[in-house]
Amino acid sequence: MQKKMKSPKAVSSGLKDPKSPPQVNHVSFEGDVNDQPGKAYLKSPSITSTKNKSFAFPSSRINWCSKFKSSWKQSPFFFTASFLALSFSLFTAWTVWVELKGVTNTLLQFLFLVLAIHQVDIGANLMNRVLDGDMNSDSAYFFTESALNLSEVMLFLYTVNSIGSTSVVAIALVVTLMFPACWLNVRFRDEDKLWVRVLAYIVLMVTLALNYESIMVNERLIAYTAMVVCAMMSDILDVPDNYAALEWCDGLVMMMRSVACYSLMTHELLKNSYSPVTVQEGQMMGLLGYY
């Protein structure tokens, strides 16, 4: 008689296979960890690591063009104002070249350096808007803004003093104070702190306040000071973006700073001249019948 084969008995659920490794419940902080009832876990905030930022421009020309077009559609006023400010800066450079008759002396090099810093600042703002924080571009414009204020302070101190009397100590103090102001702006770039935003302009404002007597006797210096103060208040208080659904603040600031830079440079060009206007201003006023 043939015996029946017995099937092997199933291992009881209460017993564990001695060869299998013990099961350990791991806690992952990358996802939700509410898988164990009765216990609450603190989930670390999801912060985008700086390692994920790309340090190169978009490799494809199509990607670059599409990025630029989409950014332009989102902020048309900003890009229009930026290119107008850049064009006005180039017009200022042309004015400097004509007034100095193309003589490449130290003054022309100094004025061109200030204009180059101004144009780099405009470019940094454009790149930051297009790249949207990639390449750490959200820190670059703090350096360019500080460099712009520093260059204008040095030019202002030069133009309001007679040749050779500009204080070297004052310029060294300005340069020294700009570094901590720039560092604090980069350190708190993600936090909307009013006192940190003021630091970007504080050295320039103190310089203007200490030389108010020289400012009040010259129309171009009055225009320069008025434009810089308006740009500072708009940038610090985020006007008009903070009070209306607009994105005009950055564009307005760049345009006002371009006009201010033109006023400061033309004052330097005309302070020892018999003509109250530049060659280009005279031509435009002649076309309008005023000169």
C-alpha atoms as a PDB file:
ATOM      1  CA  MET A   1       0.000   0.000   0.000  1.00  0.00           C
ATOM      2  CA  GLN A   2       1.419   3.316  -1.069  1.00  0.00           C
ATOM      3  CA  LYS A   3       1.918   5.865   1.651  1.00  0.00           C
ATOM      4  CA  LYS A   4       0.621   9.374   1.251  1.00  0.00           C
ATOM      5  CA  MET A   5       3.219  12.071   1.054  1.00  0.00           C
ATOM      6  CA  LYS A   6       2.709  14.761   3.670  1.00  0.00           C
ATOM      7  CA  SER A   7       3.143  18.327   2.672  1.00  0.00           C
ATOM      8  CA  PRO A   8       5.596  20.239   4.816  1.00  0.00           C
ATOM      9  CA  LYS A   9       4.014  22.247   7.559  1.00  0.00           C
ATOM     10  CA  ALA A  10       4.031  25.982   7.220  1.00  0.00           C
ATOM     11  CA  VAL A  11       6.291  27.752   9.602  1.00  0.00           C
ATOM     12  CA  SER A  12       4.350  29.372  12.333  1.00  0.00           C
ATOM     13  CA  SER A  13       3.970  33.103  11.952  1.00  0.00           C
ATOM     14  CA  GLY A  14       5.308  33.591  15.449  1.00  0.00           C
ATOM     15  CA  LEU A  15       8.665  32.031  14.617  1.00  0.00           C
ATOM     16  CA  LYS A  16      11.382  33.753  12.597  1.00  0.00           C
ATOM     17  CA  ASP A  17      13.808  32.205  10.235  1.00  0.00           C
ATOM     18  CA  PRO A  18      17.157  32.245  12.021  1.00  0.00           C
ATOM     19  CA  LYS A  19      18.976  32.834   8.737  1.00  0.00           C
ATOM     20  CA  SER A  20      17.005  35.940   7.743  1.00  0.00           C
ATOM     21  CA  PRO A  21      18.361  39.254   9.063  1.00  0.00           C
ATOM     22  CA  PRO A  22      16.317  41.023  11.690  1.00  0.00           C
ATOM     23  CA  GLN A  23      13.902  43.595  10.337  1.00  0.00           C
ATOM     24  CA  VAL A  24      14.596  47.134  11.446  1.00  0.00           C
ATOM     25  CA  ASN A  25      12.191  49.960  10.857  1.00  0.00           C
ATOM     26  CA  HIS A  26      14.236  52.752   9.361  1.00  0.00           C
ATOM     27  CA  VAL A  27      13.022  56.315   9.531  1.00  0.00           C
ATOM     28  CA  SER A  28      13.442  58.346   6.379  1.00  0.00           C
ATOM     29  CA  PHE A  29      13.451  62.109   6.546  1.00  0.00           C
ATOM     30  CA  GLU A  30      13.003  62.509   2.818  1.00  0.00           C
ATOM     31  CA  GLY A  31       9.323  61.613   2.866  1.00  0.00           C
ATOM     32  CA  ASP A  32       6.425  61.443   5.270  1.00  0.00           C
ATOM     33  CA  VAL A  33       7.345  59.409   8.339  1.00  0.00           C
ATOM     34  CA  ASN A  34       3.957  58.964   9.945  1.00  0.00           C
ATOM     35  CA  ASP A  35       4.053  55.218   9.284  1.00  0.00           C
ATOM     36  CA  GLN A  36       4.243  54.255  12.942  1.00  0.00           C
ATOM     37  CA  PRO A  37       1.093  55.119  14.858  1.00  0.00           C
ATOM     38  CA  GLY A  38       1.325  56.617  18.288  1.00  0.00           C
ATOM     39  CA  LYS A  39       4.584  58.453  17.579  1.00  0.00           C
ATOM     40  CA  ALA A  40       5.120  61.873  16.073  1.00  0.00           C
ATOM     41  CA  TYR A  41       8.253  62.661  14.113  1.00  0.00           C
ATOM     42  CA  LEU A  42       9.639  66.051  13.205  1.00  0.00           C
ATOM     43  CA  LYS A  43      10.151  66.302   9.517  1.00  0.00           C
ATOM     44  CA  SER A  44      13.097  68.378   8.430  1.00  0.00           C
ATOM     45  CA  PRO A  45      12.106  71.267   6.161  1.00  0.00           C
ATOM     46  CA  SER A  46      12.671  70.722   2.498  1.00  0.00           C
ATOM     47  CA  ILE A  47      15.466  73.114   1.574  1.00  0.00           C
ATOM     48  CA  THR A  48      16.866  73.230  -1.900  1.00  0.00           C
ATOM     49  CA  SER A  49      20.527  72.413  -1.614  1.00  0.00           C
ATOM     50  CA  THR A  50      23.014  74.774  -3.181  1.00  0.00           C
ATOM     51  CA  LYS A  51      24.651  71.736  -4.761  1.00  0.00           C
ATOM     52  CA  ASN A  52      21.666  71.467  -7.097  1.00  0.00           C
ATOM     53  CA  LYS A  53      22.327  74.901  -8.585  1.00  0.00           C
ATOM     54  CA  SER A  54      23.924  74.885 -11.966  1.00  0.00           C
ATOM     55  CA  PHE A  55      27.091  76.872 -12.427  1.00  0.00           C
ATOM     56  CA  ALA A  56      26.865  77.180 -16.194  1.00  0.00           C
ATOM     57  CA  PHE A  57      24.697  78.988 -18.655  1.00  0.00           C
ATOM     58  CA  PRO A  58      21.996  76.985 -20.420  1.00  0.00           C
ATOM     59  CA  SER A  59      23.823  74.728 -22.866  1.00  0.00           C
ATOM     60  CA  SER A  60      21.176  74.901 -25.545  1.00  0.00           C
ATOM     61  CA  ARG A  61      20.462  78.084 -27.449  1.00  0.00           C
ATOM     62  CA  ILE A  62      16.805  77.145 -27.601  1.00  0.00           C
ATOM     63  CA  ASN A  63      16.622  76.827 -23.821  1.00  0.00           C
ATOM     64  CA  TRP A  64      18.297  80.199 -23.377  1.00  0.00           C
ATOM     65  CA  CYS A  65      15.931  81.916 -25.815  1.00  0.00           C
ATOM     66  CA  SER A  66      12.855  80.308 -24.269  1.00  0.00           C
ATOM     67  CA  LYS A  67      14.029  81.311 -20.784  1.00  0.00           C
ATOM     68  CA  PHE A  68      14.533  84.898 -21.905  1.00  0.00           C
ATOM     69  CA  LYS A  69      11.172  85.078 -23.689  1.00  0.00           C
ATOM     70  CA  SER A  70       9.265  83.664 -20.741  1.00  0.00           C
ATOM     71  CA  SER A  71      10.997  86.073 -18.354  1.00  0.00           C
ATOM     72  CA  TRP A  72      10.226  89.008 -20.662  1.00  0.00           C
ATOM     73  CA  LYS A  73       6.543  88.055 -20.741  1.00  0.00           C
ATOM     74  CA  GLN A  74       6.433  87.865 -16.947  1.00  0.00           C
ATOM     75  CA  SER A  75       8.158  91.233 -16.392  1.00  0.00           C
ATOM     76  CA  PRO A  76       7.961  93.342 -19.569  1.00  0.00           C
ATOM     77  CA  PHE A  77       8.468  96.654 -17.755  1.00  0.00           C
ATOM     78  CA  PHE A  78      11.611  95.415 -15.992  1.00  0.00           C
ATOM     79  CA  PHE A  79      13.341  94.330 -19.201  1.00  0.00           C
ATOM     80  CA  THR A  80      12.255  97.423 -21.133  1.00  0.00           C
ATOM     81  CA  ALA A  81      13.510  99.696 -18.350  1.00  0.00           C
ATOM     82  CA  SER A  82      16.758  97.714 -18.106  1.00  0.00           C
ATOM     83  CA  PHE A  83      17.558  98.132 -21.779  1.00  0.00           C
ATOM     84  CA  LEU A  84      16.618 101.817 -21.627  1.00  0.00           C
ATOM     85  CA  ALA A  85      18.970 102.258 -18.661  1.00  0.00           C
ATOM     86  CA  LEU A  86      21.720 100.425 -20.549  1.00  0.00           C
ATOM     87  CA  SER A  87      21.130 102.605 -23.640  1.00  0.00           C
ATOM     88  CA  PHE A  88      21.287 105.758 -21.527  1.00  0.00           C
ATOM     89  CA  SER A  89      24.554 104.540 -20.022  1.00  0.00           C
ATOM     90  CA  LEU A  90      25.985 104.082 -23.519  1.00  0.00           C
ATOM     91  CA  PHE A  91      24.796 107.598 -24.412  1.00  0.00           C
ATOM     92  CA  THR A  92      26.664 108.878 -21.349  1.00  0.00           C
ATOM     93  CA  ALA A  93      29.812 107.122 -22.542  1.00  0.00           C
ATOM     94  CA  TRP A  94      29.431 108.796 -25.947  1.00  0.00           C
ATOM     95  CA  THR A  95      29.005 112.176 -24.227  1.00  0.00           C
ATOM     96  CA  VAL A  96      32.203 111.634 -22.212  1.00  0.00           C
ATOM     97  CA  TRP A  97      34.116 110.713 -25.369  1.00  0.00           C
ATOM     98  CA  VAL A  98      32.931 113.777 -27.274  1.00  0.00           C
ATOM     99  CA  GLU A  99      33.490 116.227 -24.408  1.00  0.00           C
ATOM    100  CA  LEU A 100      37.022 114.971 -23.792  1.00  0.00           C
ATOM    101  CA  LYS A 101      37.629 114.927 -27.568  1.00  0.00           C
ATOM    102  CA  GLY A 102      38.732 111.312 -27.501  1.00  0.00           C
ATOM    103  CA  VAL A 103      41.806 112.017 -25.387  1.00  0.00           C
ATOM    104  CA  THR A 104      42.452 108.861 -23.410  1.00  0.00           C
ATOM    105  CA  ASN A 105      43.701 110.537 -20.256  1.00  0.00           C
ATOM    106  CA  THR A 106      43.186 109.470 -16.655  1.00  0.00           C
ATOM    107  CA  LEU A 107      39.828 111.257 -16.354  1.00  0.00           C
ATOM    108  CA  LEU A 108      38.359 109.445 -19.365  1.00  0.00           C
ATOM    109  CA  GLN A 109      39.561 106.103 -18.024  1.00  0.00           C
ATOM    110  CA  PHE A 110      38.078 106.842 -14.601  1.00  0.00           C
ATOM    111  CA  LEU A 111      34.688 107.873 -16.023  1.00  0.00           C
ATOM    112  CA  PHE A 112      34.615 104.876 -18.337  1.00  0.00           C
ATOM    113  CA  LEU A 113      35.376 102.611 -15.369  1.00  0.00           C
ATOM    114  CA  VAL A 114      32.408 104.008 -13.444  1.00  0.00           C
ATOM    115  CA  LEU A 115      30.183 103.512 -16.485  1.00  0.00           C
ATOM    116  CA  ALA A 116      31.448  99.952 -16.948  1.00  0.00           C
ATOM    117  CA  ILE A 117      30.572  99.144 -13.322  1.00  0.00           C
ATOM    118  CA  HIS A 118      27.123 100.624 -13.885  1.00  0.00           C
ATOM    119  CA  GLN A 119      26.593  98.483 -16.986  1.00  0.00           C
ATOM    120  CA  VAL A 120      27.764  95.349 -15.174  1.00  0.00           C
ATOM    121  CA  ASP A 121      25.243  96.107 -12.426  1.00  0.00           C
ATOM    122  CA  ILE A 122      22.442  96.298 -15.006  1.00  0.00           C
ATOM    123  CA  GLY A 123      23.658  93.048 -16.570  1.00  0.00           C
ATOM    124  CA  ALA A 124      23.741  91.327 -13.166  1.00  0.00           C
ATOM    125  CA  ASN A 125      20.129  92.310 -12.514  1.00  0.00           C
ATOM    126  CA  LEU A 126      19.108  91.013 -15.949  1.00  0.00           C
ATOM    127  CA  MET A 127      20.931  87.712 -15.474  1.00  0.00           C
ATOM    128  CA  ASN A 128      19.425  87.262 -12.026  1.00  0.00           C
ATOM    129  CA  ARG A 129      15.924  87.728 -13.405  1.00  0.00           C
ATOM    130  CA  VAL A 130      16.470  85.410 -16.397  1.00  0.00           C
ATOM    131  CA  LEU A 131      18.304  82.656 -14.497  1.00  0.00           C
ATOM    132  CA  ASP A 132      16.001  82.955 -11.469  1.00  0.00           C
ATOM    133  CA  GLY A 133      18.715  82.320  -8.892  1.00  0.00           C
ATOM    134  CA  ASP A 134      20.705  79.730 -10.832  1.00  0.00           C
ATOM    135  CA  MET A 135      24.512  80.039 -10.786  1.00  0.00           C
ATOM    136  CA  ASN A 136      24.065  81.834  -7.424  1.00  0.00           C
ATOM    137  CA  SER A 137      23.193  84.906  -9.487  1.00  0.00           C
ATOM    138  CA  ASP A 138      21.018  86.147  -6.627  1.00  0.00           C
ATOM    139  CA  SER A 139      24.240  87.131  -4.815  1.00  0.00           C
ATOM    140  CA  ALA A 140      26.083  88.718  -7.735  1.00  0.00           C
ATOM    141  CA  TYR A 141      24.048  91.898  -7.921  1.00  0.00           C
ATOM    142  CA  PHE A 142      24.782  92.717  -4.273  1.00  0.00           C
ATOM    143  CA  PHE A 143      28.450  92.979  -5.181  1.00  0.00           C
ATOM    144  CA  THR A 144      27.753  95.019  -8.318  1.00  0.00           C
ATOM    145  CA  GLU A 145      25.411  97.331  -6.403  1.00  0.00           C
ATOM    146  CA  SER A 146      28.076  97.961  -3.762  1.00  0.00           C
ATOM    147  CA  ALA A 147      30.683  98.528  -6.479  1.00  0.00           C
ATOM    148  CA  LEU A 148      28.343 101.013  -8.189  1.00  0.00           C
ATOM    149  CA  ASN A 149      27.799 102.995  -4.991  1.00  0.00           C
ATOM    150  CA  LEU A 150      31.511 102.909  -4.205  1.00  0.00           C
ATOM    151  CA  SER A 151      32.508 104.186  -7.656  1.00  0.00           C
ATOM    152  CA  GLU A 152      29.964 106.996  -7.502  1.00  0.00           C
ATOM    153  CA  VAL A 153      31.139 108.034  -4.036  1.00  0.00           C
ATOM    154  CA  MET A 154      34.709 108.261  -5.301  1.00  0.00           C
ATOM    155  CA  LEU A 155      33.623 110.222  -8.380  1.00  0.00           C
ATOM    156  CA  PHE A 156      31.481 112.533  -6.254  1.00  0.00           C
ATOM    157  CA  LEU A 157      34.332 113.214  -3.823  1.00  0.00           C
ATOM    158  CA  TYR A 158      36.584 113.948  -6.775  1.00  0.00           C
ATOM    159  CA  THR A 159      34.210 116.302  -8.551  1.00  0.00           C
ATOM    160  CA  VAL A 160      33.175 118.430  -5.543  1.00  0.00           C
ATOM    161  CA  ASN A 161      36.779 119.047  -4.508  1.00  0.00           C
ATOM    162  CA  SER A 162      39.450 120.917  -6.357  1.00  0.00           C
ATOM    163  CA  ILE A 163      42.092 118.876  -8.144  1.00  0.00           C
ATOM    164  CA  GLY A 164      44.532 117.282  -5.718  1.00  0.00           C
ATOM    165  CA  SER A 165      42.529 118.064  -2.568  1.00  0.00           C
ATOM    166  CA  THR A 166      40.401 114.915  -2.425  1.00  0.00           C
ATOM    167  CA  SER A 167      40.979 113.246   0.916  1.00  0.00           C
ATOM    168  CA  VAL A 168      42.696 109.882   0.592  1.00  0.00           C
ATOM    169  CA  VAL A 169      41.507 109.021   4.095  1.00  0.00           C
ATOM    170  CA  ALA A 170      37.864 109.631   3.129  1.00  0.00           C
ATOM    171  CA  ILE A 171      38.142 107.383   0.077  1.00  0.00           C
ATOM    172  CA  ALA A 172      39.877 104.654   2.099  1.00  0.00           C
ATOM    173  CA  LEU A 173      37.113 104.870   4.721  1.00  0.00           C
ATOM    174  CA  VAL A 174      34.452 104.543   2.044  1.00  0.00           C
ATOM    175  CA  VAL A 175      36.141 101.483   0.544  1.00  0.00           C
ATOM    176  CA  THR A 176      36.501  99.889   3.984  1.00  0.00           C
ATOM    177  CA  LEU A 177      32.854 100.415   4.939  1.00  0.00           C
ATOM    178  CA  MET A 178      31.545  99.010   1.676  1.00  0.00           C
ATOM    179  CA  PHE A 179      32.880  95.521   2.344  1.00  0.00           C
ATOM    180  CA  PRO A 180      30.849  94.762   5.516  1.00  0.00           C
ATOM    181  CA  ALA A 181      27.787  96.397   3.944  1.00  0.00           C
ATOM    182  CA  CYS A 182      28.083  94.104   0.926  1.00  0.00           C
ATOM    183  CA  TRP A 183      28.690  91.025   3.083  1.00  0.00           C
ATOM    184  CA  LEU A 184      25.629  91.687   5.252  1.00  0.00           C
ATOM    185  CA  ASN A 185      23.447  92.127   2.169  1.00  0.00           C
ATOM    186  CA  VAL A 186      24.592  88.749   0.838  1.00  0.00           C
ATOM    187  CA  ARG A 187      24.252  87.129   4.266  1.00  0.00           C
ATOM    188  CA  PHE A 188      20.619  88.230   4.670  1.00  0.00           C
ATOM    189  CA  ARG A 189      19.626  88.140   1.002  1.00  0.00           C
ATOM    190  CA  ASP A 190      16.696  85.780   1.708  1.00  0.00           C
ATOM    191  CA  GLU A 191      15.369  87.845   4.612  1.00  0.00           C
ATOM    192  CA  ASP A 192      13.511  91.095   4.126  1.00  0.00           C
ATOM    193  CA  LYS A 193      15.330  93.206   6.703  1.00  0.00           C
ATOM    194  CA  LEU A 194      15.031  96.953   6.252  1.00  0.00           C
ATOM    195  CA  TRP A 195      18.286  97.853   8.002  1.00  0.00           C
ATOM    196  CA  VAL A 196      20.229  95.465   5.773  1.00  0.00           C
ATOM    197  CA  ARG A 197      18.798  97.019   2.626  1.00  0.00           C
ATOM    198  CA  VAL A 198      19.695 100.489   3.922  1.00  0.00           C
ATOM    199  CA  LEU A 199      23.348  99.446   4.286  1.00  0.00           C
ATOM    200  CA  ALA A 200      23.744  99.312   0.517  1.00  0.00           C
ATOM    201  CA  TYR A 201      23.177 103.079   0.372  1.00  0.00           C
ATOM    202  CA  ILE A 202      24.312 104.322   3.771  1.00  0.00           C
ATOM    203  CA  VAL A 203      27.858 105.292   2.740  1.00  0.00           C
ATOM    204  CA  LEU A 204      26.639 107.147  -0.337  1.00  0.00           C
ATOM    205  CA  MET A 205      23.950 108.963   1.650  1.00  0.00           C
ATOM    206  CA  VAL A 206      26.402 110.041   4.351  1.00  0.00           C
ATOM    207  CA  THR A 207      28.773 111.357   1.681  1.00  0.00           C
ATOM    208  CA  LEU A 208      25.998 113.413   0.084  1.00  0.00           C
ATOM    209  CA  ALA A 209      24.858 114.759   3.457  1.00  0.00           C
ATOM    210  CA  LEU A 210      28.364 115.893   4.395  1.00  0.00           C
ATOM    211  CA  ASN A 211      28.722 117.784   1.112  1.00  0.00           C
ATOM    212  CA  TYR A 212      25.276 119.384   0.923  1.00  0.00           C
ATOM    213  CA  GLU A 213      26.758 122.880   0.521  1.00  0.00           C
ATOM    214  CA  SER A 214      28.495 121.905  -2.725  1.00  0.00           C
ATOM    215  CA  ILE A 215      25.332 120.203  -3.940  1.00  0.00           C
ATOM    216  CA  MET A 216      22.987 123.131  -3.403  1.00  0.00           C
ATOM    217  CA  VAL A 217      24.957 125.497  -5.664  1.00  0.00           C
ATOM    218  CA  ASN A 218      24.873 123.292  -8.763  1.00  0.00           C
ATOM    219  CA  GLU A 219      21.804 122.164 -10.709  1.00  0.00           C
ATOM    220  CA  ARG A 220      23.365 118.944 -11.979  1.00  0.00           C
ATOM    221  CA  LEU A 221      24.442 117.866  -8.502  1.00  0.00           C
ATOM    222  CA  ILE A 222      20.936 118.641  -7.215  1.00  0.00           C
ATOM    223  CA  ALA A 223      19.496 116.451  -9.976  1.00  0.00           C
ATOM    224  CA  TYR A 224      22.007 113.702  -9.147  1.00  0.00           C
ATOM    225  CA  THR A 225      21.166 113.777  -5.437  1.00  0.00           C
ATOM    226  CA  ALA A 226      17.411 113.831  -6.070  1.00  0.00           C
ATOM    227  CA  MET A 227      17.605 110.832  -8.408  1.00  0.00           C
ATOM    228  CA  VAL A 228      19.786 108.822  -6.022  1.00  0.00           C
ATOM    229  CA  VAL A 229      17.508 109.559  -3.041  1.00  0.00           C
ATOM    230  CA  CYS A 230      14.391 108.609  -5.033  1.00  0.00           C
ATOM    231  CA  ALA A 231      16.055 105.403  -6.234  1.00  0.00           C
ATOM    232  CA  MET A 232      17.123 104.553  -2.687  1.00  0.00           C
ATOM    233  CA  MET A 233      13.643 105.095  -1.232  1.00  0.00           C
ATOM    234  CA  SER A 234      12.034 103.089  -4.026  1.00  0.00           C
ATOM    235  CA  ASP A 235      14.498 100.218  -3.558  1.00  0.00           C
ATOM    236  CA  ILE A 236      14.329 100.126   0.245  1.00  0.00           C
ATOM    237  CA  LEU A 237      10.550 100.477   0.542  1.00  0.00           C
ATOM    238  CA  ASP A 238       9.878  98.398  -2.589  1.00  0.00           C
ATOM    239  CA  VAL A 239       7.769 101.128  -4.189  1.00  0.00           C
ATOM    240  CA  PRO A 240       5.424 100.712  -6.058  1.00  0.00           C
ATOM    241  CA  ASP A 241       5.508  96.898  -5.982  1.00  0.00           C
ATOM    242  CA  ASN A 242       4.749  96.762  -2.267  1.00  0.00           C
ATOM    243  CA  TYR A 243       1.571  98.816  -2.684  1.00  0.00           C
ATOM    244  CA  ALA A 244       0.276  97.642  -6.059  1.00  0.00           C
ATOM    245  CA  ALA A 245       0.302  94.489  -8.162  1.00  0.00           C
ATOM    246  CA  LEU A 246       3.234  95.733 -10.255  1.00  0.00           C
ATOM    247  CA  GLU A 247       6.845  94.758 -10.913  1.00  0.00           C
ATOM    248  CA  TRP A 248       8.273  98.194 -11.576  1.00  0.00           C
ATOM    249  CA  CYS A 249      10.638  98.787  -8.664  1.00  0.00           C
ATOM    250  CA  ASP A 250      13.862  97.290 -10.054  1.00  0.00           C
ATOM    251  CA  GLY A 251      13.372  98.838 -13.485  1.00  0.00           C
ATOM    252  CA  LEU A 252      12.661 102.290 -12.061  1.00  0.00           C
ATOM    253  CA  VAL A 253      15.712 102.098  -9.801  1.00  0.00           C
ATOM    254  CA  MET A 254      18.026 101.277 -12.708  1.00  0.00           C
ATOM    255  CA  MET A 255      16.605 104.078 -14.856  1.00  0.00           C
ATOM    256  CA  MET A 256      16.946 106.660 -12.085  1.00  0.00           C
ATOM    257  CA  ARG A 257      20.495 105.559 -11.332  1.00  0.00           C
ATOM    258  CA  SER A 258      21.380 105.902 -15.029  1.00  0.00           C
ATOM    259  CA  VAL A 259      20.038 109.465 -15.144  1.00  0.00           C
ATOM    260  CA  ALA A 260      21.827 110.242 -11.867  1.00  0.00           C
ATOM    261  CA  CYS A 261      25.116 108.920 -13.236  1.00  0.00           C
ATOM    262  CA  TYR A 262      24.707 111.111 -16.337  1.00  0.00           C
ATOM    263  CA  SER A 263      24.129 114.204 -14.183  1.00  0.00           C
ATOM    264  CA  LEU A 264      27.193 113.495 -12.044  1.00  0.00           C
ATOM    265  CA  MET A 265      29.486 112.873 -15.012  1.00  0.00           C
ATOM    266  CA  THR A 266      28.338 115.884 -17.002  1.00  0.00           C
ATOM    267  CA  HIS A 267      28.957 118.043 -13.922  1.00  0.00           C
ATOM    268  CA  GLU A 268      32.547 116.813 -13.880  1.00  0.00           C
ATOM    269  CA  LEU A 269      32.894 117.455 -17.626  1.00  0.00           C
ATOM    270  CA  LEU A 270      31.442 120.981 -17.498  1.00  0.00           C
ATOM    271  CA  LYS A 271      32.663 122.304 -14.142  1.00  0.00           C
ATOM    272  CA  ASN A 272      35.680 123.980 -15.787  1.00  0.00           C
ATOM    273  CA  SER A 273      33.925 124.767 -19.073  1.00  0.00           C
ATOM    274  CA  TYR A 274      32.373 128.016 -20.274  1.00  0.00           C
ATOM    275  CA  SER A 275      29.406 126.166 -21.780  1.00  0.00           C
ATOM    276  CA  PRO A 276      26.513 125.224 -19.469  1.00  0.00           C
ATOM    277  CA  VAL A 277      25.510 122.271 -21.677  1.00  0.00           C
ATOM    278  CA  THR A 278      27.261 119.404 -23.443  1.00  0.00           C
ATOM    279  CA  VAL A 279      27.624 119.122 -27.219  1.00  0.00           C
ATOM    280  CA  GLN A 280      24.758 116.608 -27.472  1.00  0.00           C
ATOM    281  CA  GLU A 281      22.526 118.705 -25.221  1.00  0.00           C
ATOM    282  CA  GLY A 282      23.209 121.775 -27.361  1.00  0.00           C
ATOM    283  CA  GLN A 283      22.346 119.874 -30.540  1.00  0.00           C
ATOM    284  CA  MET A 284      19.091 118.542 -29.119  1.00  0.00           C
ATOM    285  CA  MET A 285      18.097 121.964 -27.759  1.00  0.00           C
ATOM    286  CA  GLY A 286      18.921 123.482 -31.146  1.00  0.00           C
ATOM    287  CA  LEU A 287      16.592 121.012 -32.880  1.00  0.00           C
ATOM    288  CA  LEU A 288      13.830 121.994 -30.445  1.00  0.00           C
ATOM    289  CA  GLY A 289      14.520 125.690 -30.944  1.00  0.00           C
ATOM    290  CA  TYR A 290      15.716 126.414 -27.411  1.00  0.00           C
ATOM    291  CA  TYR A 291      19.437 126.866 -28.044  1.00  0.00           C
END
